[in-house]
Amino acid sequence: VLVAAAAFGRFSAVVRESRAPGFDRLFAATHAAALARAGERGGAFCDYPPGTSPEAEFHRQGLNNPLSNWRVTALNREYGLCATYPRLLAVPRAVTDEALSRAAAFRSGRRLPVLCWKDAFGVASICRCSQPLVGVANKR
């Protein structure tokens, strides 16, 4: 977390020198500031920036539709499943929370596949995850 905050600090200095208007209001700037504060407190941080909400984003993507193949889980509400994922996760409706917990154990950083973006009126989607662990020792 601290390395990412330091790298972002160098990047933001370059952008400020280029006099980019409104830089401090960009998601990257607000998120980096929150990461730095979380690092100072010694805690993990991964959540939505101020002024936004996961519920609004899930609604925008059409996940509140009962016919959606996706559901929202609070399995990561205290960042126990994955410290680098937000508290609420959109996952396939057919997969139980128990199966998600078991699947996370076989992924680097416990980053299981979750929905990042979905077309609100179609089926196109983008998911993210990390590489699976390999070998007897579950290492990369």
Protein backbone atom coordinates (compact mmCIF):
# COMPACT_ATOMS: atom_id res chain seq x y z
CA VAL A 1 0.00 0.00 0.00
CA LEU A 2 2.77 2.42 0.92
CA VAL A 3 4.71 1.64 -2.28
CA ALA A 4 1.62 2.36 -4.38
CA ALA A 5 1.02 5.61 -2.50
CA ALA A 6 4.66 6.67 -3.03
CA ALA A 7 4.52 5.87 -6.76
CA PHE A 8 1.26 7.76 -7.07
CA GLY A 9 2.79 10.71 -5.23
CA ARG A 10 5.51 10.96 -7.88
CA PHE A 11 2.92 10.65 -10.65
CA SER A 12 0.67 13.31 -9.12
CA ALA A 13 3.62 15.73 -8.86
CA VAL A 14 4.23 15.35 -12.61
CA VAL A 15 0.55 15.92 -13.37
CA ARG A 16 0.39 18.99 -11.11
CA GLU A 17 3.43 20.44 -12.88
CA SER A 18 1.59 19.98 -16.17
CA ARG A 19 -1.22 22.09 -14.65
CA ALA A 20 -3.98 19.55 -15.33
CA PRO A 21 -7.24 21.17 -14.20
CA GLY A 22 -9.28 19.44 -11.51
CA PHE A 23 -6.67 16.81 -10.74
CA ASP A 24 -7.54 16.70 -7.04
CA ARG A 25 -11.14 15.70 -7.90
CA LEU A 26 -10.15 12.68 -10.01
CA PHE A 27 -10.79 9.20 -8.60
CA ALA A 28 -7.07 8.39 -8.69
CA ALA A 29 -6.24 11.42 -6.53
CA THR A 30 -8.95 10.83 -3.93
CA HIS A 31 -8.22 7.10 -3.80
CA ALA A 32 -4.48 7.67 -3.35
CA ALA A 33 -5.12 10.08 -0.48
CA ALA A 34 -7.38 7.49 1.21
CA LEU A 35 -4.75 4.78 0.67
CA ALA A 36 -2.14 6.97 2.33
CA ARG A 37 -4.41 7.61 5.33
CA ALA A 38 -5.16 3.87 5.64
CA GLY A 39 -1.45 3.06 5.46
CA GLU A 40 -0.73 5.53 8.26
CA ARG A 41 -3.33 3.75 10.40
CA GLY A 42 -1.80 0.37 9.53
CA GLY A 43 -5.03 -0.92 7.98
CA ALA A 44 -6.08 -2.16 4.60
CA PHE A 45 -8.16 0.06 2.37
CA CYS A 46 -10.15 -0.67 -0.71
CA ASP A 47 -13.51 0.99 -1.02
CA TYR A 48 -15.50 3.39 -3.15
CA PRO A 49 -14.40 7.05 -3.24
CA PRO A 50 -16.37 9.71 -1.34
CA GLY A 51 -19.61 10.70 -3.03
CA THR A 52 -20.18 7.29 -4.63
CA SER A 53 -21.69 4.08 -3.36
CA PRO A 54 -21.48 0.44 -4.36
CA GLU A 55 -25.28 0.19 -4.26
CA ALA A 56 -25.63 2.98 -6.85
CA GLU A 57 -23.03 1.36 -9.08
CA PHE A 58 -24.67 -2.07 -8.85
CA HIS A 59 -28.04 -0.47 -9.66
CA ARG A 60 -26.50 1.30 -12.68
CA GLN A 61 -25.21 -2.04 -13.94
CA GLY A 62 -28.66 -3.63 -13.62
CA LEU A 63 -27.75 -6.05 -10.83
CA ASN A 64 -30.96 -5.25 -8.93
CA ASN A 65 -32.89 -7.06 -11.66
CA PRO A 66 -34.16 -10.41 -10.30
CA LEU A 67 -33.33 -12.01 -13.67
CA SER A 68 -29.68 -10.95 -13.44
CA ASN A 69 -27.09 -13.71 -13.36
CA TRP A 70 -25.15 -11.69 -10.77
CA ARG A 71 -25.67 -11.09 -7.05
CA VAL A 72 -24.06 -8.88 -4.42
CA THR A 73 -22.33 -10.48 -1.45
CA ALA A 74 -21.02 -8.92 1.75
CA LEU A 75 -18.55 -11.77 2.26
CA ASN A 76 -15.68 -9.27 2.30
CA ARG A 77 -17.40 -6.72 4.60
CA GLU A 78 -14.44 -6.61 7.00
CA TYR A 79 -11.79 -7.26 4.33
CA GLY A 80 -11.28 -10.77 5.73
CA LEU A 81 -11.60 -12.47 2.36
CA CYS A 82 -9.35 -10.11 0.36
CA ALA A 83 -7.83 -6.88 1.68
CA THR A 84 -7.51 -5.40 -1.82
CA TYR A 85 -11.18 -5.86 -2.81
CA PRO A 86 -14.11 -3.65 -1.75
CA ARG A 87 -16.53 -4.70 1.00
CA LEU A 88 -19.35 -5.59 -1.39
CA LEU A 89 -18.63 -7.88 -4.32
CA ALA A 90 -20.70 -8.76 -7.37
CA VAL A 91 -20.38 -12.48 -8.10
CA PRO A 92 -22.26 -15.06 -10.20
CA ARG A 93 -25.66 -15.80 -8.67
CA ALA A 94 -25.13 -19.58 -8.90
CA VAL A 95 -22.00 -19.52 -6.70
CA THR A 96 -22.49 -19.74 -2.91
CA ASP A 97 -20.48 -17.70 -0.40
CA GLU A 98 -18.96 -20.94 0.89
CA ALA A 99 -17.72 -21.82 -2.61
CA LEU A 100 -16.31 -18.30 -3.00
CA SER A 101 -14.33 -18.64 0.24
CA ARG A 102 -12.90 -21.96 -0.88
CA ALA A 103 -12.07 -20.62 -4.35
CA ALA A 104 -10.25 -17.61 -2.88
CA ALA A 105 -7.82 -19.95 -1.10
CA PHE A 106 -6.47 -21.06 -4.48
CA ARG A 107 -5.82 -17.56 -5.86
CA SER A 108 -2.85 -15.29 -5.31
CA GLY A 109 -3.78 -12.70 -2.67
CA ARG A 110 -7.14 -14.50 -2.35
CA ARG A 111 -8.33 -12.42 -5.32
CA LEU A 112 -11.18 -14.49 -6.69
CA PRO A 113 -13.02 -13.53 -9.91
CA VAL A 114 -15.52 -10.71 -9.27
CA LEU A 115 -17.53 -8.41 -11.51
CA CYS A 116 -15.95 -5.00 -12.22
CA TRP A 117 -18.25 -3.72 -14.96
CA LYS A 118 -21.42 -4.90 -16.68
CA ASP A 119 -23.44 -3.46 -19.50
CA ALA A 120 -26.73 -2.44 -17.88
CA PHE A 121 -28.79 -3.54 -20.89
CA GLY A 122 -26.83 -6.52 -22.13
CA VAL A 123 -24.70 -9.43 -20.99
CA ALA A 124 -21.23 -8.00 -21.64
CA SER A 125 -19.12 -7.90 -18.48
CA ILE A 126 -15.56 -7.47 -17.22
CA CYS A 127 -14.31 -9.46 -14.25
CA ARG A 128 -11.01 -9.32 -12.39
CA CYS A 129 -9.00 -11.82 -10.39
CA SER A 130 -5.42 -12.93 -9.84
CA GLN A 131 -3.46 -15.91 -11.05
CA PRO A 132 -4.30 -19.27 -9.52
CA LEU A 133 -1.74 -20.74 -7.17
CA VAL A 134 0.10 -23.74 -8.60
CA GLY A 135 2.00 -26.72 -7.32
CA VAL A 136 1.94 -28.72 -4.13
CA ALA A 137 2.96 -25.75 -1.98
CA ASN A 138 0.36 -23.43 -3.61
CA LYS A 139 3.01 -20.92 -4.66
CA ARG A 140 3.71 -19.12 -7.89
